[in-house]
């Protein structure tokens, strides 16, 4: 179980590093755009497209981190009335269900990205659109990994990162 916790923690750390880097790029790029537009009546014409796609990346990385740290959106109104043993079983099933849904979404989004690759669509100039959109299947894949790790840890009686049993 400790190996799973270490894998989850290392993956979350890598996700955090990428997220912080992308967020920093976004802040600098957005600030630069504002300065260029207001002071020089110009701007970087591809910056808005980049910012939109980076926001997509931030969303998926944030969701993966939230899942790893047990901060993902959940409804626990009924869970509070369950015994600890039943609650644990329900949480394992919920994590496995969420992993299954994320797997199906990853599969569908991979099909979408393959279509973008085959269609040779571009975001800007000669930059293929799938470079920016690859985060969709990767992001759902990261969610699958985190949900499965959480389910295994809970089934084994170990508390996932961010919670106590």
Protein backbone atom coordinates (compact mmCIF):
# COMPACT_ATOMS: atom_id res chain seq x y z
CA UNK A 1 0.00 0.00 0.00
CA UNK A 2 2.88 2.35 0.70
CA UNK A 3 4.08 1.98 -2.89
CA UNK A 4 0.68 3.14 -4.15
CA UNK A 5 0.78 6.13 -1.83
CA UNK A 6 4.27 7.00 -3.07
CA UNK A 7 3.22 6.65 -6.71
CA UNK A 8 0.17 8.83 -6.08
CA UNK A 9 2.24 11.41 -4.24
CA UNK A 10 4.93 11.53 -6.95
CA UNK A 11 2.34 11.83 -9.69
CA UNK A 12 0.58 14.62 -7.80
CA UNK A 13 3.89 16.43 -7.30
CA UNK A 14 4.64 16.25 -11.04
CA UNK A 15 1.13 17.52 -11.81
CA UNK A 16 1.64 20.41 -9.40
CA UNK A 17 4.94 21.39 -11.01
CA UNK A 18 3.38 21.42 -14.48
CA UNK A 19 0.32 23.30 -13.19
CA UNK A 20 2.41 25.98 -11.46
CA UNK A 21 4.58 26.39 -14.55
CA UNK A 22 1.59 26.76 -16.86
CA UNK A 23 -0.15 29.13 -14.46
CA UNK A 24 2.97 31.29 -14.33
CA UNK A 25 3.12 31.39 -18.12
CA UNK A 26 -0.56 32.35 -18.22
CA UNK A 27 -0.14 35.20 -15.73
CA UNK A 28 2.90 36.61 -17.54
CA UNK A 29 1.26 36.26 -20.96
CA UNK A 30 -2.02 37.85 -19.83
CA UNK A 31 -0.17 40.73 -18.13
CA UNK A 32 1.95 41.27 -21.22
CA UNK A 33 -1.17 41.33 -23.40
CA UNK A 34 -2.82 43.96 -21.18
CA UNK A 35 0.29 46.14 -21.18
CA UNK A 36 0.77 45.85 -24.94
CA UNK A 37 -2.88 46.61 -25.69
CA UNK A 38 -3.25 49.54 -23.30
CA UNK A 39 0.12 51.20 -23.76
CA UNK A 40 1.06 50.37 -27.32
CA UNK A 41 -2.30 49.56 -28.98
CA UNK A 42 -0.94 46.22 -30.11
CA UNK A 43 -0.61 42.73 -28.75
CA UNK A 44 0.56 39.22 -29.41
CA UNK A 45 -2.02 37.89 -31.82
CA UNK A 46 -1.62 34.23 -30.78
CA UNK A 47 -1.65 34.90 -27.01
CA UNK A 48 -5.43 34.62 -26.58
CA UNK A 49 -5.47 31.22 -28.29
CA UNK A 50 -2.60 30.04 -26.09
CA UNK A 51 -4.30 31.30 -22.93
CA UNK A 52 -7.54 29.50 -23.81
CA UNK A 53 -5.74 26.21 -24.30
CA UNK A 54 -3.61 26.63 -21.18
CA UNK A 55 -6.82 27.10 -19.20
CA UNK A 56 -7.97 23.70 -20.44
CA UNK A 57 -4.68 22.20 -19.25
CA UNK A 58 -5.03 23.88 -15.85
CA UNK A 59 -8.54 22.52 -15.46
CA UNK A 60 -7.54 18.93 -16.07
CA UNK A 61 -4.39 19.11 -13.95
CA UNK A 62 -6.36 20.77 -11.15
CA UNK A 63 -8.99 18.04 -11.32
CA UNK A 64 -6.30 15.35 -11.08
CA UNK A 65 -4.70 17.04 -8.07
CA UNK A 66 -8.09 17.54 -6.42
CA UNK A 67 -8.88 13.85 -6.90
CA UNK A 68 -5.54 12.82 -5.44
CA UNK A 69 -6.05 15.01 -2.38
CA UNK A 70 -9.69 13.95 -1.84
CA UNK A 71 -10.92 17.43 -2.72
CA UNK A 72 -12.88 16.42 -5.78
CA UNK A 73 -16.56 17.33 -5.80
CA UNK A 74 -18.70 14.76 -4.03
CA UNK A 75 -22.08 14.59 -2.39
CA UNK A 76 -21.84 13.10 1.06
CA UNK A 77 -25.28 13.79 2.54
CA UNK A 78 -26.25 10.11 2.66
CA UNK A 79 -22.75 8.90 3.44
CA UNK A 80 -22.85 10.54 6.86
CA UNK A 81 -25.64 8.20 7.97
CA UNK A 82 -23.79 5.02 7.03
CA UNK A 83 -21.70 2.90 9.36
CA UNK A 84 -17.93 3.18 8.84
CA UNK A 85 -17.76 -0.26 7.22
CA UNK A 86 -20.62 0.42 4.77
CA UNK A 87 -19.28 3.92 4.10
CA UNK A 88 -15.90 2.47 3.18
CA UNK A 89 -17.50 0.00 0.75
CA UNK A 90 -19.61 2.77 -0.81
CA UNK A 91 -16.50 4.96 -1.22
CA UNK A 92 -14.62 2.13 -2.97
CA UNK A 93 -17.56 1.58 -5.33
CA UNK A 94 -17.87 5.32 -5.93
CA UNK A 95 -14.16 5.60 -6.78
CA UNK A 96 -14.38 2.62 -9.14
CA UNK A 97 -17.49 4.04 -10.81
CA UNK A 98 -15.78 7.43 -11.25
CA UNK A 99 -12.70 5.68 -12.66
CA UNK A 100 -14.90 3.81 -15.14
CA UNK A 101 -16.63 6.97 -16.31
CA UNK A 102 -13.28 8.77 -16.65
CA UNK A 103 -11.93 5.80 -18.61
CA UNK A 104 -14.84 6.02 -21.07
CA UNK A 105 -14.30 9.77 -21.39
CA UNK A 106 -10.56 9.24 -21.95
CA UNK A 107 -11.34 6.70 -24.67
CA UNK A 108 -13.83 9.04 -26.38
CA UNK A 109 -11.49 12.00 -26.14
CA UNK A 110 -8.66 9.93 -27.62
CA UNK A 111 -10.92 9.23 -30.59
CA UNK A 112 -11.51 12.98 -30.87
CA UNK A 113 -7.77 13.71 -30.79
CA UNK A 114 -7.13 11.04 -33.43
CA UNK A 115 -9.71 12.80 -35.62
CA UNK A 116 -7.88 16.08 -35.14
CA UNK A 117 -4.59 14.42 -36.08
CA UNK A 118 -6.12 12.81 -39.18
CA UNK A 119 -7.80 16.07 -40.19
CA UNK A 120 -4.54 18.02 -39.91
CA UNK A 121 -6.37 20.84 -38.13
CA UNK A 122 -4.24 23.61 -36.69
CA UNK A 123 -4.59 25.98 -33.77
CA UNK A 124 -2.45 28.68 -35.28
CA UNK A 125 -0.21 28.82 -38.32
CA UNK A 126 1.27 25.31 -38.64
CA UNK A 127 0.80 24.22 -35.02
CA UNK A 128 -1.42 21.13 -34.92
CA UNK A 129 -4.49 21.47 -32.70
CA UNK A 130 -3.91 18.10 -31.08
CA UNK A 131 -0.86 19.50 -29.27
CA UNK A 132 -3.23 21.56 -27.16
CA UNK A 133 -6.03 18.98 -27.03
CA UNK A 134 -3.94 15.99 -25.95
CA UNK A 135 -4.56 17.04 -22.34
CA UNK A 136 -8.17 15.86 -22.63
CA UNK A 137 -7.44 12.10 -22.85
CA UNK A 138 -4.32 12.49 -20.70
CA UNK A 139 -6.29 14.41 -18.06
CA UNK A 140 -9.05 11.80 -17.93
CA UNK A 141 -6.34 9.12 -17.79
CA UNK A 142 -4.77 10.83 -14.78
CA UNK A 143 -8.18 10.90 -13.10
CA UNK A 144 -8.56 7.16 -13.75
CA UNK A 145 -5.18 6.48 -12.12
CA UNK A 146 -5.99 8.58 -9.05
CA UNK A 147 -9.47 7.09 -8.60
CA UNK A 148 -8.15 3.53 -8.96
CA UNK A 149 -5.36 4.17 -6.45
CA UNK A 150 -7.89 5.63 -4.02
CA UNK A 151 -10.19 2.61 -4.45
CA UNK A 152 -7.34 0.14 -3.87
CA UNK A 153 -6.12 2.01 -0.79
CA UNK A 154 -9.62 2.20 0.66
CA UNK A 155 -10.33 -1.47 -0.09
CA UNK A 156 -7.08 -2.37 1.69
CA UNK A 157 -8.03 -0.31 4.73
CA UNK A 158 -5.43 2.42 4.12
CA UNK A 159 -6.38 6.06 4.04
CA UNK A 160 -5.70 7.78 0.70
CA UNK A 161 -3.77 11.05 0.76
CA UNK A 162 -5.82 13.86 2.24
CA UNK A 163 -8.18 11.81 4.41
CA UNK A 164 -8.35 9.71 7.53
CA UNK A 165 -10.22 6.43 7.88
